[in-house]
Amino acid sequence: MILRPLNMDDKDEAMQAHRELALDGFDFLLDSFDEKESWTSFLKRVDSVQRGENLPSGYVSATFLVAEVDGQIVGRVSIRHKLNEFLERRGGHIGYGIRPEFRGRGFATEILLRALEITRTLGIERVLITCNGANTASSRVIEKCGGILENIVELDDGEKLRRYWIVSELSQ
């Protein structure tokens, strides 16, 4: 598996992944994606967010990478470089998603383990990861990667959210 930034050649496959995960209520290309925007402009915005430049209100710098296996995009990860109030309550440091046809093959675990390596390079010692309370597959992945359940909170919309912390070994 390769974790890499999106590029110009990814547009069609990334758009397809975005449509697939939208059926699960998940934004593959993040909530800032607008189909009316040119792909070039979107890629520039993703790059700016990683550098922490021109961040929209409420955003933090973040690294967005796709997971590629045998030339196909199987999933993605967003690694937030710090937490704001919203991310501390709901989103966490790492958000990942796997396209439906590639689930159950260990890709989520591999993506999360590699994302944790990146958080170490960013100097993040305690990594918060959240998942929907009903998403047992994601809960298992997080726990397999060292996640310790802090609590389950009920959000304003009634959704239950599992909040996990992973302590990073910065010396590794």
Foldseek 3Di string as FASTA:
>chain_A
DDWAQDDPVCVVQQVVLQVQCVVVVDGQLDPVDDPVDDPVVSSVVLVCLLVQHPDDPPGHRWHKIFDDDPRHGFKIKIAGLDDDPCCVVPNWRMDMDGRPVNPPPCPLLVVVLVSLVVNLVSVDFKTKHKDWPVPVVVVVSCVVSPWDWPDWDQDPVRTIMTITIHGHDSVD
